[in-house]
Protein backbone atom coordinates (compact mmCIF):
# COMPACT_ATOMS: atom_id res chain seq x y z
CA MET A 1 -18.63 13.80 -0.12
CA PRO A 2 -16.16 13.67 -3.00
CA ALA A 3 -16.45 11.28 -5.93
CA GLN A 4 -14.60 7.97 -5.66
CA ASP A 5 -11.57 7.17 -7.79
CA ILE A 6 -12.05 4.46 -10.44
CA HIS A 7 -9.82 2.10 -8.42
CA HIS A 8 -11.51 2.77 -5.06
CA ASP A 9 -13.41 -0.52 -4.84
CA LEU A 10 -10.39 -2.50 -6.06
CA VAL A 11 -8.11 -1.00 -3.41
CA HIS A 12 -10.80 -1.70 -0.81
CA ARG A 13 -10.83 -5.38 -1.87
CA LEU A 14 -7.00 -5.54 -1.99
CA LEU A 15 -6.72 -4.23 1.57
CA VAL A 16 -9.15 -6.87 2.79
CA ALA A 17 -7.29 -9.61 0.88
CA ASP A 18 -4.04 -8.39 2.48
CA GLY A 19 -5.47 -8.90 5.96
CA TRP A 20 -6.70 -5.38 6.68
CA ARG A 21 -10.13 -4.57 8.05
CA VAL A 22 -11.61 -1.52 6.35
CA THR A 23 -13.03 0.60 9.15
CA HIS A 24 -13.91 3.78 7.26
CA ASP A 25 -15.14 4.37 3.71
CA PRO A 26 -14.41 7.25 3.61
CA TYR A 27 -12.23 8.24 6.57
CA ARG A 28 -13.41 11.66 7.78
CA ILE A 29 -11.04 14.23 9.23
CA VAL A 30 -12.77 17.10 11.02
CA VAL A 31 -10.98 20.46 10.84
CA GLY A 32 -13.03 23.10 12.61
CA ARG A 33 -16.25 23.41 10.60
CA LYS A 34 -14.71 21.66 7.59
CA ASN A 35 -14.54 17.98 6.70
CA LEU A 36 -11.78 16.30 4.75
CA PHE A 37 -12.32 12.83 3.34
CA VAL A 38 -9.55 10.30 2.79
CA ASP A 39 -10.84 7.42 0.66
CA LEU A 40 -10.33 4.55 3.12
CA GLY A 41 -9.37 3.86 6.70
CA ALA A 42 -8.15 0.38 7.67
CA GLU A 43 -6.55 -1.47 10.54
CA LYS A 44 -4.61 -4.66 10.96
CA LEU A 45 -4.50 -6.29 14.37
CA ILE A 46 -1.21 -7.60 15.67
CA ALA A 47 -1.96 -10.80 17.57
CA ALA A 48 0.83 -10.40 20.13
CA ASN A 49 -0.48 -7.21 21.73
CA ARG A 50 -3.91 -6.52 20.19
CA ASP A 51 -2.69 -3.07 19.20
CA GLY A 52 -3.05 -2.70 15.51
CA LYS A 53 -1.55 -0.86 12.65
CA ARG A 54 -3.84 1.80 11.23
CA VAL A 55 -3.72 3.41 7.81
CA ALA A 56 -5.69 5.96 5.86
CA VAL A 57 -5.47 5.43 2.10
CA GLU A 58 -6.07 8.01 -0.61
CA VAL A 59 -6.62 6.26 -3.96
CA LYS A 60 -5.40 7.92 -7.16
CA SER A 61 -5.60 6.44 -10.65
CA PHE A 62 -3.71 9.16 -12.57
CA GLU A 63 -6.18 8.78 -15.45
CA GLY A 64 -6.28 12.49 -16.33
CA GLN A 65 -4.82 14.18 -19.39
CA SER A 66 -1.57 15.06 -17.62
CA GLU A 67 0.45 12.97 -15.18
CA VAL A 68 1.96 16.17 -13.79
CA HIS A 69 -1.47 17.66 -13.09
CA ASP A 70 -2.60 14.38 -11.50
CA LEU A 71 0.56 14.43 -9.39
CA GLU A 72 -0.16 17.99 -8.29
CA VAL A 73 -3.67 17.02 -7.21
CA ALA A 74 -2.54 13.83 -5.43
CA LEU A 75 0.33 15.56 -3.63
CA GLY A 76 -1.91 18.48 -2.69
CA GLN A 77 -4.47 16.18 -1.09
CA TYR A 78 -1.79 14.13 0.66
CA LEU A 79 -0.13 17.22 2.14
CA LEU A 80 -3.49 18.75 3.09
CA TYR A 81 -4.63 15.63 4.95
CA LEU A 82 -1.36 14.79 6.67
CA PRO A 83 -1.16 17.35 9.52
CA PHE A 84 -4.84 17.05 10.37
CA LEU A 85 -4.75 13.26 10.34
CA ARG A 86 -1.74 13.38 12.69
CA ALA A 87 -3.65 15.73 15.01
CA GLN A 88 -6.81 13.60 14.96
CA GLU A 89 -5.20 10.15 15.14
CA PRO A 90 -1.38 10.30 15.37
CA GLU A 91 -0.86 6.53 15.11
CA ARG A 92 -2.69 6.27 11.75
CA GLN A 93 -0.35 6.45 8.74
CA LEU A 94 -1.43 8.12 5.50
CA TYR A 95 -0.76 6.26 2.24
CA LEU A 96 -1.30 7.22 -1.38
CA ALA A 97 -2.50 4.20 -3.41
CA ILE A 98 -1.30 4.26 -7.02
CA PRO A 99 -1.17 1.78 -9.90
CA GLY A 100 2.20 0.18 -10.66
CA GLU A 101 2.33 1.99 -14.00
CA VAL A 102 2.18 5.33 -12.17
CA TRP A 103 5.02 4.18 -9.92
CA HIS A 104 7.17 3.50 -12.99
CA ASN A 105 6.10 6.52 -15.06
CA VAL A 106 6.11 9.12 -12.29
CA PHE A 107 7.82 8.04 -9.09
CA GLU A 108 10.81 6.31 -10.68
CA GLU A 109 11.47 9.51 -12.60
CA PRO A 110 13.39 12.50 -11.16
CA ILE A 111 10.17 14.39 -10.34
CA GLY A 112 8.81 11.52 -8.26
CA GLU A 113 12.16 10.68 -6.69
CA GLY A 114 12.51 14.29 -5.58
CA LEU A 115 9.04 14.29 -4.02
CA LEU A 116 9.65 10.99 -2.24
CA ALA A 117 12.89 12.33 -0.79
CA GLU A 118 11.46 15.71 0.22
CA TYR A 119 8.10 14.66 1.62
CA HIS A 120 8.73 11.03 2.67
CA LEU A 121 5.52 9.95 0.95
CA ARG A 122 3.98 6.64 1.88
CA LEU A 123 2.78 4.65 -1.12
CA LEU A 124 0.65 1.57 -1.67
CA ILE A 125 1.43 0.33 -5.18
CA PHE A 126 -1.06 -2.02 -6.81
CA ASP A 127 -1.60 -3.76 -10.14
CA PRO A 128 -5.16 -3.06 -11.33
CA LEU A 129 -5.05 -5.83 -13.97
CA LYS A 130 -3.72 -8.62 -11.74
CA GLU A 131 -5.61 -7.17 -8.78
CA VAL A 132 -2.73 -7.47 -6.33
CA ILE A 133 -0.78 -5.18 -4.03
CA LEU A 134 2.72 -4.94 -5.44
CA GLN A 135 4.44 -3.02 -2.68
CA TRP A 136 4.00 -0.80 0.40
CA ILE A 137 6.55 2.02 0.74
CA PRO A 138 7.44 1.94 3.57
CA ILE A 139 5.91 -1.26 4.88
CA PRO A 140 3.23 -0.35 7.46
């Protein structure tokens, strides 16, 4: 299995604090004889109908030497996982969890805006210092 991101445990705790139940750590996607691993799988029950919302969350800290390289890696994983997650569990939505600073430095810049528009990325934005979820884009 792949190494965990430095914010993995924090995002796990933040999901639980936000009312999610972490069901997979990691969430495994089987593709033929290969396995892909998204960092976390979680669900939130909706009381009215007992059907829940389900997410898979890939955690990225963007702590490397280059934000562009980190973006390439994060986007590559996201796009690799997406079709196979849809095939395995179509109702589960894939999110990329990123620190708020990455949102401001990357996704509020033209490169990030272009990727959001083109690929309709789903983001979970969190503050690692305050240990809170800042925003879900779009809201699950």
